[in-house]
């Protein structure tokens, strides 16, 4: 078995642009799926 994590090397903030919003949408879509343990990591301060 293997593990996968996604690191988005752009800062997540209210002023974030399209690239960050794309990955944010993928994250929220993934959260709706069960049995999909892929952690996401964004740069920036913790919300």
N, C-alpha and C. Protein backbone atom coordinates (compact mmCIF):
# COMPACT_ATOMS: atom_id res chain seq x y z
N UNK A 1 0.85 -1.19 0.00
CA UNK A 1 0.00 0.00 0.00
C UNK A 1 0.89 1.24 0.00
N UNK A 2 0.46 2.29 -0.63
CA UNK A 2 1.21 3.53 -0.71
C UNK A 2 0.38 4.68 -0.17
N UNK A 3 1.06 5.75 0.20
CA UNK A 3 0.39 6.94 0.70
C UNK A 3 0.68 8.11 -0.23
N UNK A 4 -0.29 8.99 -0.36
CA UNK A 4 -0.16 10.17 -1.21
C UNK A 4 -0.57 11.40 -0.41
N UNK A 5 0.16 12.48 -0.56
CA UNK A 5 -0.20 13.77 0.02
C UNK A 5 0.02 14.83 -1.06
N UNK A 6 -0.72 15.90 -0.98
CA UNK A 6 -0.60 16.98 -1.96
C UNK A 6 -0.14 18.24 -1.25
N UNK A 7 0.96 18.80 -1.72
CA UNK A 7 1.48 20.06 -1.19
C UNK A 7 1.27 21.13 -2.25
N UNK A 8 0.48 22.13 -1.91
CA UNK A 8 0.25 23.27 -2.81
C UNK A 8 1.21 24.36 -2.34
N UNK A 9 2.22 24.64 -3.14
CA UNK A 9 3.27 25.59 -2.71
C UNK A 9 2.90 27.04 -3.02
N UNK A 10 1.64 27.35 -2.82
CA UNK A 10 1.13 28.71 -2.93
C UNK A 10 0.39 29.02 -1.63
N UNK A 11 0.41 30.28 -1.24
CA UNK A 11 -0.22 30.66 0.03
C UNK A 11 -1.73 30.67 -0.08
N UNK A 12 -2.38 30.04 0.90
CA UNK A 12 -3.83 30.04 0.99
C UNK A 12 -4.26 31.23 1.84
N UNK A 13 -4.98 32.16 1.23
CA UNK A 13 -5.45 33.35 1.94
C UNK A 13 -6.72 33.84 1.24
N UNK A 14 -7.44 34.77 1.86
CA UNK A 14 -8.64 35.31 1.21
C UNK A 14 -8.34 35.99 -0.13
N UNK A 15 -7.10 36.42 -0.34
CA UNK A 15 -6.72 37.09 -1.59
C UNK A 15 -6.14 36.12 -2.62
N UNK A 16 -6.17 34.81 -2.35
CA UNK A 16 -5.57 33.82 -3.25
C UNK A 16 -6.22 33.87 -4.63
N UNK A 17 -5.41 33.55 -5.62
CA UNK A 17 -5.87 33.57 -7.00
C UNK A 17 -6.36 32.22 -7.50
N UNK A 18 -6.43 32.10 -8.81
CA UNK A 18 -7.02 30.94 -9.47
C UNK A 18 -6.35 29.61 -9.20
N UNK A 19 -5.03 29.58 -9.16
CA UNK A 19 -4.34 28.31 -8.94
C UNK A 19 -4.66 27.74 -7.56
N UNK A 20 -4.68 28.59 -6.55
CA UNK A 20 -5.00 28.14 -5.20
C UNK A 20 -6.47 27.75 -5.12
N UNK A 21 -7.34 28.51 -5.74
CA UNK A 21 -8.77 28.20 -5.73
C UNK A 21 -9.04 26.86 -6.39
N UNK A 22 -8.30 26.53 -7.46
CA UNK A 22 -8.43 25.24 -8.13
C UNK A 22 -8.17 24.10 -7.14
N UNK A 23 -7.03 24.18 -6.43
CA UNK A 23 -6.69 23.12 -5.48
C UNK A 23 -7.63 23.11 -4.28
N UNK A 24 -8.12 24.27 -3.90
CA UNK A 24 -9.08 24.35 -2.80
C UNK A 24 -10.37 23.63 -3.19
N UNK A 25 -10.82 23.82 -4.43
CA UNK A 25 -12.01 23.13 -4.93
C UNK A 25 -11.81 21.62 -4.98
N UNK A 26 -10.62 21.18 -5.40
CA UNK A 26 -10.31 19.75 -5.41
C UNK A 26 -10.38 19.21 -3.98
N UNK A 27 -9.82 19.95 -3.03
CA UNK A 27 -9.84 19.53 -1.62
C UNK A 27 -11.28 19.35 -1.14
N UNK A 28 -12.15 20.33 -1.38
CA UNK A 28 -13.52 20.24 -0.90
C UNK A 28 -14.30 19.14 -1.62
N UNK A 29 -14.01 18.89 -2.88
CA UNK A 29 -14.65 17.78 -3.60
C UNK A 29 -14.21 16.45 -3.01
N UNK A 30 -12.93 16.33 -2.69
CA UNK A 30 -12.39 15.11 -2.11
C UNK A 30 -13.00 14.84 -0.73
N UNK A 31 -13.25 15.88 0.02
CA UNK A 31 -13.80 15.73 1.36
C UNK A 31 -15.18 15.06 1.32
N UNK A 32 -15.92 15.22 0.23
CA UNK A 32 -17.24 14.62 0.10
C UNK A 32 -17.16 13.12 -0.18
N UNK A 33 -16.02 12.66 -0.69
CA UNK A 33 -15.81 11.25 -1.01
C UNK A 33 -15.36 10.49 0.23
N UNK A 34 -15.95 9.35 0.44
CA UNK A 34 -15.51 8.50 1.55
C UNK A 34 -14.37 7.62 1.05
N UNK A 35 -13.52 7.20 1.95
CA UNK A 35 -12.40 6.32 1.63
C UNK A 35 -11.43 6.96 0.64
N UNK A 36 -11.12 8.22 0.87
CA UNK A 36 -10.18 8.94 0.01
C UNK A 36 -9.22 9.73 0.91
N UNK A 37 -8.31 9.01 1.60
CA UNK A 37 -7.44 9.67 2.58
C UNK A 37 -6.23 10.35 1.95
N UNK A 38 -6.45 11.46 1.28
CA UNK A 38 -5.34 12.21 0.68
C UNK A 38 -5.24 13.55 1.40
N UNK A 39 -4.23 13.75 2.23
CA UNK A 39 -4.09 15.03 2.92
C UNK A 39 -3.58 16.13 1.98
N UNK A 40 -4.08 17.33 2.18
CA UNK A 40 -3.65 18.50 1.42
C UNK A 40 -2.91 19.42 2.37
N UNK A 41 -1.86 20.05 1.88
CA UNK A 41 -1.08 21.03 2.64
C UNK A 41 -0.93 22.28 1.79
N UNK A 42 -1.28 23.42 2.37
CA UNK A 42 -1.13 24.71 1.71
C UNK A 42 -0.11 25.52 2.50
N UNK A 43 0.60 26.41 1.84
CA UNK A 43 1.50 27.33 2.53
C UNK A 43 0.68 28.45 3.15
N UNK A 44 1.23 29.09 4.15
CA UNK A 44 0.57 30.23 4.77
C UNK A 44 0.23 29.96 6.23
N UNK A 45 -0.36 30.94 6.86
CA UNK A 45 -0.73 30.82 8.27
C UNK A 45 -1.93 29.90 8.41
N UNK A 46 -1.96 29.16 9.52
CA UNK A 46 -3.06 28.25 9.79
C UNK A 46 -4.32 29.06 10.09
N UNK A 47 -5.42 28.66 9.50
CA UNK A 47 -6.69 29.39 9.68
C UNK A 47 -7.33 29.09 11.01
